[in-house]
Amino acid sequence: MCRHPRRGEAGREVSVGSERAADLPSERGADVGRRIGVGLMYGLWRPRVLGAWRVPVNGPLILAVNHSHNIDGPMVMGVAPRPVHFLIKKEAFVGPLGSFLTGIGQVEVDRRTTDRTAITRALGVLDGGGVLGIFPEGTRGEGDFAALRAGLAYFAVRSGAPIVPVAVLGSSGRSGRLIKGLPPLRSRVDVVFGDPFEAGDGGGRRTRKVLDEATGRIREHLTDHLENARRLTGR
């Protein structure tokens, strides 16, 4: 997940209009990715999707997903009710896999720097009324939303798009795995969508203080959703 521009870079704020539509992630590609994902995920595991009706049917939207396993992104991409453009680390865009990810409308991001191209493309997705998928922890971890980075707050405040928290539970099961690094085949994976919420204060400002406050509000919402999802699923 990319960082928001540092203070001092704000004067050179990324302009979505500077990115040609042809350079933005493909909406049609993301829909194809969703169709591939739903077949693959339901073929290999047993997803149980809860709360999908909470996802707004149109308009810009950010899905904030906890991240503890490699299948979390493909799982959400497959079961979400709308096509999703995920921010994915550039290390995954290698060879045929990179071409495939680009073809299905995913966004390559360099996590080591302020990736202005990724920021512009992500904002372009939201400006076009699409769905941006973000792992707000930035990388795989405990999947508990404990270590949020500021990128999610930047995108939410800059675009005004609501955030829907998503908890993926059961993707990191350790026992009975046929393939190392994957949860047991045909095991249940729960995907729980929460209520949309606004991260900004309504003023549209993007100062460091505003983004820090937004990150705090986001962390509270995501943590509450994860606790509710665990109670609901018994995970």
C-alpha atoms as a PDB file:
ATOM      1  CA  MET A   1       0.000   0.000   0.000  1.00  0.00           C
ATOM      2  CA  CYS A   2       1.450   3.358  -0.917  1.00  0.00           C
ATOM      3  CA  ARG A   3       2.026   6.187   1.481  1.00  0.00           C
ATOM      4  CA  HIS A   4       0.186   9.472   1.117  1.00  0.00           C
ATOM      5  CA  PRO A   5       2.356  12.330  -0.138  1.00  0.00           C
ATOM      6  CA  ARG A   6       4.573  13.782   2.592  1.00  0.00           C
ATOM      7  CA  ARG A   7       4.275  17.366   3.679  1.00  0.00           C
ATOM      8  CA  GLY A   8       6.301  19.364   1.202  1.00  0.00           C
ATOM      9  CA  GLU A   9       5.081  17.101  -1.588  1.00  0.00           C
ATOM     10  CA  ALA A  10       1.521  18.335  -1.126  1.00  0.00           C
ATOM     11  CA  GLY A  11       2.269  21.350  -3.273  1.00  0.00           C
ATOM     12  CA  ARG A  12       2.838  18.933  -6.131  1.00  0.00           C
ATOM     13  CA  GLU A  13      -0.397  17.060  -5.413  1.00  0.00           C
ATOM     14  CA  VAL A  14      -1.249  14.350  -7.914  1.00  0.00           C
ATOM     15  CA  SER A  15      -3.853  15.391 -10.470  1.00  0.00           C
ATOM     16  CA  VAL A  16      -6.211  12.672 -11.639  1.00  0.00           C
ATOM     17  CA  GLY A  17      -6.890  14.656 -14.774  1.00  0.00           C
ATOM     18  CA  SER A  18      -3.258  14.303 -15.819  1.00  0.00           C
ATOM     19  CA  GLU A  19      -3.714  10.545 -16.236  1.00  0.00           C
ATOM     20  CA  ARG A  20      -5.286   9.513 -19.535  1.00  0.00           C
ATOM     21  CA  ALA A  21      -8.304   7.212 -19.268  1.00  0.00           C
ATOM     22  CA  ALA A  22      -6.450   4.591 -21.279  1.00  0.00           C
ATOM     23  CA  ASP A  23      -3.786   4.437 -18.551  1.00  0.00           C
ATOM     24  CA  LEU A  24      -6.284   3.832 -15.753  1.00  0.00           C
ATOM     25  CA  PRO A  25      -7.111   0.309 -14.538  1.00  0.00           C
ATOM     26  CA  SER A  26      -9.651  -1.448 -16.727  1.00  0.00           C
ATOM     27  CA  GLU A  27     -13.173  -1.695 -15.302  1.00  0.00           C
ATOM     28  CA  ARG A  28     -13.970  -4.448 -17.777  1.00  0.00           C
ATOM     29  CA  GLY A  29     -10.768  -6.231 -16.765  1.00  0.00           C
ATOM     30  CA  ALA A  30     -11.741  -6.044 -13.083  1.00  0.00           C
ATOM     31  CA  ASP A  31     -15.108  -7.593 -13.943  1.00  0.00           C
ATOM     32  CA  VAL A  32     -13.338 -10.431 -15.760  1.00  0.00           C
ATOM     33  CA  GLY A  33     -11.078 -10.855 -12.719  1.00  0.00           C
ATOM     34  CA  ARG A  34     -14.154 -11.078 -10.497  1.00  0.00           C
ATOM     35  CA  ARG A  35     -15.620 -13.838 -12.673  1.00  0.00           C
ATOM     36  CA  ILE A  36     -12.349 -15.765 -12.610  1.00  0.00           C
ATOM     37  CA  GLY A  37     -11.997 -15.239  -8.878  1.00  0.00           C
ATOM     38  CA  VAL A  38     -15.471 -16.425  -7.962  1.00  0.00           C
ATOM     39  CA  GLY A  39     -15.008 -19.660  -9.901  1.00  0.00           C
ATOM     40  CA  LEU A  40     -11.560 -20.300  -8.452  1.00  0.00           C
ATOM     41  CA  MET A  41     -12.437 -19.464  -4.859  1.00  0.00           C
ATOM     42  CA  TYR A  42     -15.646 -21.522  -4.796  1.00  0.00           C
ATOM     43  CA  GLY A  43     -13.857 -24.339  -6.591  1.00  0.00           C
ATOM     44  CA  LEU A  44     -10.977 -24.610  -4.119  1.00  0.00           C
ATOM     45  CA  TRP A  45     -12.557 -23.473  -0.840  1.00  0.00           C
ATOM     46  CA  ARG A  46     -15.972 -22.886   0.701  1.00  0.00           C
ATOM     47  CA  PRO A  47     -16.450 -19.131   1.033  1.00  0.00           C
ATOM     48  CA  ARG A  48     -19.223 -17.939   3.316  1.00  0.00           C
ATOM     49  CA  VAL A  49     -20.106 -14.334   2.486  1.00  0.00           C
ATOM     50  CA  LEU A  50     -21.891 -12.227   5.080  1.00  0.00           C
ATOM     51  CA  GLY A  51     -23.127  -8.649   4.755  1.00  0.00           C
ATOM     52  CA  ALA A  52     -22.537  -8.209   1.013  1.00  0.00           C
ATOM     53  CA  TRP A  53     -25.820  -6.290   0.894  1.00  0.00           C
ATOM     54  CA  ARG A  54     -24.073  -3.515   2.830  1.00  0.00           C
ATOM     55  CA  VAL A  55     -21.877  -2.683  -0.169  1.00  0.00           C
ATOM     56  CA  PRO A  56     -23.336   0.343  -2.054  1.00  0.00           C
ATOM     57  CA  VAL A  57     -24.425  -0.695  -5.533  1.00  0.00           C
ATOM     58  CA  ASN A  58     -22.826   2.300  -7.250  1.00  0.00           C
ATOM     59  CA  GLY A  59     -20.516   5.242  -6.687  1.00  0.00           C
ATOM     60  CA  PRO A  60     -16.894   5.402  -5.537  1.00  0.00           C
ATOM     61  CA  LEU A  61     -16.033   3.029  -2.727  1.00  0.00           C
ATOM     62  CA  ILE A  62     -13.014   1.760  -0.808  1.00  0.00           C
ATOM     63  CA  LEU A  63     -12.886  -1.797   0.536  1.00  0.00           C
ATOM     64  CA  ALA A  64     -10.502  -1.962   3.531  1.00  0.00           C
ATOM     65  CA  VAL A  65      -9.484  -5.605   3.933  1.00  0.00           C
ATOM     66  CA  ASN A  66      -7.503  -7.246   6.737  1.00  0.00           C
ATOM     67  CA  HIS A  67      -4.565  -9.224   5.401  1.00  0.00           C
ATOM     68  CA  SER A  68      -3.106 -12.410   6.866  1.00  0.00           C
ATOM     69  CA  HIS A  69      -2.825 -14.624   3.788  1.00  0.00           C
ATOM     70  CA  ASN A  70      -2.124 -14.569   0.052  1.00  0.00           C
ATOM     71  CA  ILE A  71      -5.658 -15.600  -0.884  1.00  0.00           C
ATOM     72  CA  ASP A  72      -7.326 -12.654   0.899  1.00  0.00           C
ATOM     73  CA  GLY A  73      -7.221 -10.423  -2.201  1.00  0.00           C
ATOM     74  CA  PRO A  74      -8.416 -13.037  -4.709  1.00  0.00           C
ATOM     75  CA  MET A  75     -11.082 -14.156  -2.239  1.00  0.00           C
ATOM     76  CA  VAL A  76     -12.538 -10.653  -1.837  1.00  0.00           C
ATOM     77  CA  MET A  77     -12.170  -9.985  -5.557  1.00  0.00           C
ATOM     78  CA  GLY A  78     -14.207 -13.115  -6.298  1.00  0.00           C
ATOM     79  CA  VAL A  79     -17.009 -12.730  -3.744  1.00  0.00           C
ATOM     80  CA  ALA A  80     -17.464  -8.932  -3.691  1.00  0.00           C
ATOM     81  CA  PRO A  81     -20.707  -7.776  -5.353  1.00  0.00           C
ATOM     82  CA  ARG A  82     -18.797  -5.261  -7.503  1.00  0.00           C
ATOM     83  CA  PRO A  83     -15.544  -5.456  -9.504  1.00  0.00           C
ATOM     84  CA  VAL A  84     -12.579  -4.414  -7.357  1.00  0.00           C
ATOM     85  CA  HIS A  85      -9.253  -2.791  -8.269  1.00  0.00           C
ATOM     86  CA  PHE A  86      -6.725  -3.772  -5.593  1.00  0.00           C
ATOM     87  CA  LEU A  87      -3.482  -1.989  -4.838  1.00  0.00           C
ATOM     88  CA  ILE A  88      -0.930  -4.816  -5.164  1.00  0.00           C
ATOM     89  CA  LYS A  89       2.804  -4.692  -4.453  1.00  0.00           C
ATOM     90  CA  LYS A  90       4.983  -4.304  -7.547  1.00  0.00           C
ATOM     91  CA  GLU A  91       6.924  -7.458  -6.656  1.00  0.00           C
ATOM     92  CA  ALA A  92       3.905  -9.479  -7.792  1.00  0.00           C
ATOM     93  CA  PHE A  93       3.948  -7.883 -11.270  1.00  0.00           C
ATOM     94  CA  VAL A  94       6.556 -10.217 -12.721  1.00  0.00           C
ATOM     95  CA  GLY A  95       6.312 -12.088 -16.030  1.00  0.00           C
ATOM     96  CA  PRO A  96       2.949 -13.596 -17.015  1.00  0.00           C
ATOM     97  CA  LEU A  97       1.448 -12.914 -13.578  1.00  0.00           C
ATOM     98  CA  GLY A  98       2.162  -9.212 -13.957  1.00  0.00           C
ATOM     99  CA  SER A  99       0.467  -9.079 -17.346  1.00  0.00           C
ATOM    100  CA  PHE A 100      -2.495 -10.987 -15.933  1.00  0.00           C
ATOM    101  CA  LEU A 101      -2.886  -8.652 -12.933  1.00  0.00           C
ATOM    102  CA  THR A 102      -2.737  -5.604 -15.192  1.00  0.00           C
ATOM    103  CA  GLY A 103      -5.255  -7.210 -17.543  1.00  0.00           C
ATOM    104  CA  ILE A 104      -7.774  -7.720 -14.746  1.00  0.00           C
ATOM    105  CA  GLY A 105      -7.533  -4.099 -13.653  1.00  0.00           C
ATOM    106  CA  GLN A 106      -5.278  -4.322 -10.611  1.00  0.00           C
ATOM    107  CA  VAL A 107      -2.988  -1.459  -9.589  1.00  0.00           C
ATOM    108  CA  GLU A 108       0.768  -1.945  -9.230  1.00  0.00           C
ATOM    109  CA  VAL A 109       2.277  -0.026  -6.304  1.00  0.00           C
ATOM    110  CA  ASP A 110       5.820   0.450  -5.061  1.00  0.00           C
ATOM    111  CA  ARG A 111       5.518   0.264  -1.271  1.00  0.00           C
ATOM    112  CA  ARG A 112       9.035   1.613  -0.701  1.00  0.00           C
ATOM    113  CA  THR A 113       8.247   5.123  -1.843  1.00  0.00           C
ATOM    114  CA  THR A 114       5.439   7.575  -2.544  1.00  0.00           C
ATOM    115  CA  ASP A 115       4.311   5.973  -5.793  1.00  0.00           C
ATOM    116  CA  ARG A 116       2.716   8.886  -7.630  1.00  0.00           C
ATOM    117  CA  THR A 117       1.619   6.772 -10.597  1.00  0.00           C
ATOM    118  CA  ALA A 118      -0.189   4.309  -8.317  1.00  0.00           C
ATOM    119  CA  ILE A 119      -1.793   7.154  -6.382  1.00  0.00           C
ATOM    120  CA  THR A 120      -3.049   8.748  -9.586  1.00  0.00           C
ATOM    121  CA  ARG A 121      -4.457   5.475 -10.896  1.00  0.00           C
ATOM    122  CA  ALA A 122      -6.126   4.665  -7.579  1.00  0.00           C
ATOM    123  CA  LEU A 123      -7.728   8.105  -7.437  1.00  0.00           C
ATOM    124  CA  GLY A 124      -8.773   7.628 -11.058  1.00  0.00           C
ATOM    125  CA  VAL A 125     -10.651   4.469 -10.076  1.00  0.00           C
ATOM    126  CA  LEU A 126     -12.545   6.397  -7.394  1.00  0.00           C
ATOM    127  CA  ASP A 127     -13.066   9.448  -9.611  1.00  0.00           C
ATOM    128  CA  GLY A 128     -14.721   7.120 -12.128  1.00  0.00           C
ATOM    129  CA  GLY A 129     -17.093   5.698  -9.518  1.00  0.00           C
ATOM    130  CA  GLY A 130     -15.215   2.403  -9.128  1.00  0.00           C
ATOM    131  CA  VAL A 131     -14.191   0.258  -6.171  1.00  0.00           C
ATOM    132  CA  LEU A 132     -10.653   0.442  -4.793  1.00  0.00           C
ATOM    133  CA  GLY A 133      -9.410  -2.444  -2.639  1.00  0.00           C
ATOM    134  CA  ILE A 134      -6.773  -1.673  -0.007  1.00  0.00           C
ATOM    135  CA  PHE A 135      -4.934  -3.684   2.618  1.00  0.00           C
ATOM    136  CA  PRO A 136      -4.543  -0.826   5.127  1.00  0.00           C
ATOM    137  CA  GLU A 137      -1.836  -2.662   7.081  1.00  0.00           C
ATOM    138  CA  GLY A 138       0.338  -2.456   3.973  1.00  0.00           C
ATOM    139  CA  THR A 139       1.470  -6.088   4.015  1.00  0.00           C
ATOM    140  CA  ARG A 140       0.511  -9.482   5.393  1.00  0.00           C
ATOM    141  CA  GLY A 141       0.534  -9.725   9.179  1.00  0.00           C
ATOM    142  CA  GLU A 142      -1.806 -10.760  11.953  1.00  0.00           C
ATOM    143  CA  GLY A 143      -4.770  -9.419   9.999  1.00  0.00           C
ATOM    144  CA  ASP A 144      -6.015  -7.477  13.021  1.00  0.00           C
ATOM    145  CA  PHE A 145      -5.823  -3.914  11.624  1.00  0.00           C
ATOM    146  CA  ALA A 146      -3.355  -3.032  14.410  1.00  0.00           C
ATOM    147  CA  ALA A 147      -0.704  -1.413  12.211  1.00  0.00           C
ATOM    148  CA  LEU A 148      -2.581   0.934   9.888  1.00  0.00           C
ATOM    149  CA  ARG A 149      -0.655   3.077   7.436  1.00  0.00           C
ATOM    150  CA  ALA A 150      -1.866   6.503   6.340  1.00  0.00           C
ATOM    151  CA  GLY A 151      -2.534   5.670   2.675  1.00  0.00           C
ATOM    152  CA  LEU A 152      -6.112   4.577   3.287  1.00  0.00           C
ATOM    153  CA  ALA A 153      -6.911   7.846   5.052  1.00  0.00           C
ATOM    154  CA  TYR A 154      -5.394   9.833   2.191  1.00  0.00           C
ATOM    155  CA  PHE A 155      -7.489   8.118  -0.466  1.00  0.00           C
ATOM    156  CA  ALA A 156     -10.667   8.353   1.613  1.00  0.00           C
ATOM    157  CA  VAL A 157     -10.241  12.022   2.511  1.00  0.00           C
ATOM    158  CA  ARG A 158      -9.001  13.057  -0.946  1.00  0.00           C
ATOM    159  CA  SER A 159     -11.809  11.269  -2.835  1.00  0.00           C
ATOM    160  CA  GLY A 160     -14.628  11.543  -0.293  1.00  0.00           C
ATOM    161  CA  ALA A 161     -15.415   7.869  -0.978  1.00  0.00           C
ATOM    162  CA  PRO A 162     -16.959   5.841   1.849  1.00  0.00           C
ATOM    163  CA  ILE A 163     -15.047   2.904   3.311  1.00  0.00           C
ATOM    164  CA  VAL A 164     -16.509  -0.580   3.733  1.00  0.00           C
ATOM    165  CA  PRO A 165     -14.511  -2.719   6.194  1.00  0.00           C
ATOM    166  CA  VAL A 166     -13.994  -6.340   5.136  1.00  0.00           C
ATOM    167  CA  ALA A 167     -12.866  -9.123   7.466  1.00  0.00           C
ATOM    168  CA  VAL A 168     -11.467 -12.309   5.916  1.00  0.00           C
ATOM    169  CA  LEU A 169     -11.375 -15.063   8.542  1.00  0.00           C
ATOM    170  CA  GLY A 170     -10.072 -18.603   8.181  1.00  0.00           C
ATOM    171  CA  SER A 171      -7.700 -17.959   5.295  1.00  0.00           C
ATOM    172  CA  SER A 172      -4.618 -18.655   7.412  1.00  0.00           C
ATOM    173  CA  GLY A 173      -5.576 -22.026   8.898  1.00  0.00           C
ATOM    174  CA  ARG A 174      -2.461 -23.997   9.787  1.00  0.00           C
ATOM    175  CA  SER A 175      -3.618 -27.599  10.024  1.00  0.00           C
ATOM    176  CA  GLY A 176      -4.398 -30.051   7.251  1.00  0.00           C
ATOM    177  CA  ARG A 177      -2.968 -28.014   4.381  1.00  0.00           C
ATOM    178  CA  LEU A 178      -2.389 -29.988   1.204  1.00  0.00           C
ATOM    179  CA  ILE A 179      -0.365 -27.179  -0.363  1.00  0.00           C
ATOM    180  CA  LYS A 180       2.120 -25.265   1.768  1.00  0.00           C
ATOM    181  CA  GLY A 181       1.106 -21.657   2.294  1.00  0.00           C
ATOM    182  CA  LEU A 182      -2.587 -22.177   1.507  1.00  0.00           C
ATOM    183  CA  PRO A 183      -5.507 -22.935   3.825  1.00  0.00           C
ATOM    184  CA  PRO A 184      -6.797 -26.526   3.585  1.00  0.00           C
ATOM    185  CA  LEU A 185      -8.635 -27.125   0.313  1.00  0.00           C
ATOM    186  CA  ARG A 186     -12.415 -27.110   0.668  1.00  0.00           C
ATOM    187  CA  SER A 187     -12.108 -25.454   4.093  1.00  0.00           C
ATOM    188  CA  ARG A 188     -14.471 -22.630   4.993  1.00  0.00           C
ATOM    189  CA  VAL A 189     -13.316 -19.041   4.610  1.00  0.00           C
ATOM    190  CA  ASP A 190     -15.587 -16.322   5.977  1.00  0.00           C
ATOM    191  CA  VAL A 191     -15.761 -12.914   4.284  1.00  0.00           C
ATOM    192  CA  VAL A 192     -17.711 -10.365   6.310  1.00  0.00           C
ATOM    193  CA  PHE A 193     -18.596  -6.947   4.867  1.00  0.00           C
ATOM    194  CA  GLY A 194     -19.349  -4.123   7.305  1.00  0.00           C
ATOM    195  CA  ASP A 195     -21.344  -0.910   7.159  1.00  0.00           C
ATOM    196  CA  PRO A 196     -19.881   1.910   5.027  1.00  0.00           C
ATOM    197  CA  PHE A 197     -18.523   4.919   6.887  1.00  0.00           C
ATOM    198  CA  GLU A 198     -16.925   8.263   6.096  1.00  0.00           C
ATOM    199  CA  ALA A 199     -13.327   8.826   7.178  1.00  0.00           C
ATOM    200  CA  GLY A 200     -13.045  12.580   6.670  1.00  0.00           C
ATOM    201  CA  ASP A 201     -14.460  15.474   8.646  1.00  0.00           C
ATOM    202  CA  GLY A 202     -16.400  16.764   5.649  1.00  0.00           C
ATOM    203  CA  GLY A 203     -14.038  19.653   5.058  1.00  0.00           C
ATOM    204  CA  GLY A 204     -11.995  17.985   2.340  1.00  0.00           C
ATOM    205  CA  ARG A 205      -8.719  19.183   3.920  1.00  0.00           C
ATOM    206  CA  ARG A 206      -5.648  16.929   3.674  1.00  0.00           C
ATOM    207  CA  THR A 207      -3.271  18.306   6.286  1.00  0.00           C
ATOM    208  CA  ARG A 208      -1.140  15.953   8.360  1.00  0.00           C
ATOM    209  CA  LYS A 209      -3.429  16.560  11.368  1.00  0.00           C
ATOM    210  CA  VAL A 210      -6.567  15.763   9.368  1.00  0.00           C
ATOM    211  CA  LEU A 211      -5.050  12.561   7.972  1.00  0.00           C
ATOM    212  CA  ASP A 212      -3.835  11.454  11.398  1.00  0.00           C
ATOM    213  CA  GLU A 213      -7.301  12.024  12.855  1.00  0.00           C
ATOM    214  CA  ALA A 214      -8.890  10.170   9.936  1.00  0.00           C
ATOM    215  CA  THR A 215      -6.508   7.247  10.454  1.00  0.00           C
ATOM    216  CA  GLY A 216      -7.593   7.069  14.096  1.00  0.00           C
ATOM    217  CA  ARG A 217     -11.278   7.006  13.128  1.00  0.00           C
ATOM    218  CA  ILE A 218     -10.599   4.365  10.495  1.00  0.00           C
ATOM    219  CA  ARG A 219      -8.681   2.159  12.938  1.00  0.00           C
ATOM    220  CA  GLU A 220     -11.583   2.306  15.405  1.00  0.00           C
ATOM    221  CA  HIS A 221     -14.151   1.353  12.753  1.00  0.00           C
ATOM    222  CA  LEU A 222     -12.037  -1.478  11.332  1.00  0.00           C
ATOM    223  CA  THR A 223     -11.164  -2.918  14.742  1.00  0.00           C
ATOM    224  CA  ASP A 224     -14.817  -2.855  15.828  1.00  0.00           C
ATOM    225  CA  HIS A 225     -15.851  -4.559  12.598  1.00  0.00           C
ATOM    226  CA  LEU A 226     -13.246  -7.294  13.019  1.00  0.00           C
ATOM    227  CA  GLU A 227     -14.399  -7.985  16.582  1.00  0.00           C
ATOM    228  CA  ASN A 228     -18.027  -8.157  15.421  1.00  0.00           C
ATOM    229  CA  ALA A 229     -17.079 -10.451  12.548  1.00  0.00           C
ATOM    230  CA  ARG A 230     -15.263 -12.808  14.908  1.00  0.00           C
ATOM    231  CA  ARG A 231     -18.282 -12.967  17.196  1.00  0.00           C
ATOM    232  CA  LEU A 232     -20.613 -13.518  14.257  1.00  0.00           C
ATOM    233  CA  THR A 233     -18.585 -16.322  12.706  1.00  0.00           C
ATOM    234  CA  GLY A 234     -17.166 -17.895  15.851  1.00  0.00           C
ATOM    235  CA  ARG A 235     -13.636 -17.495  14.483  1.00  0.00           C
END
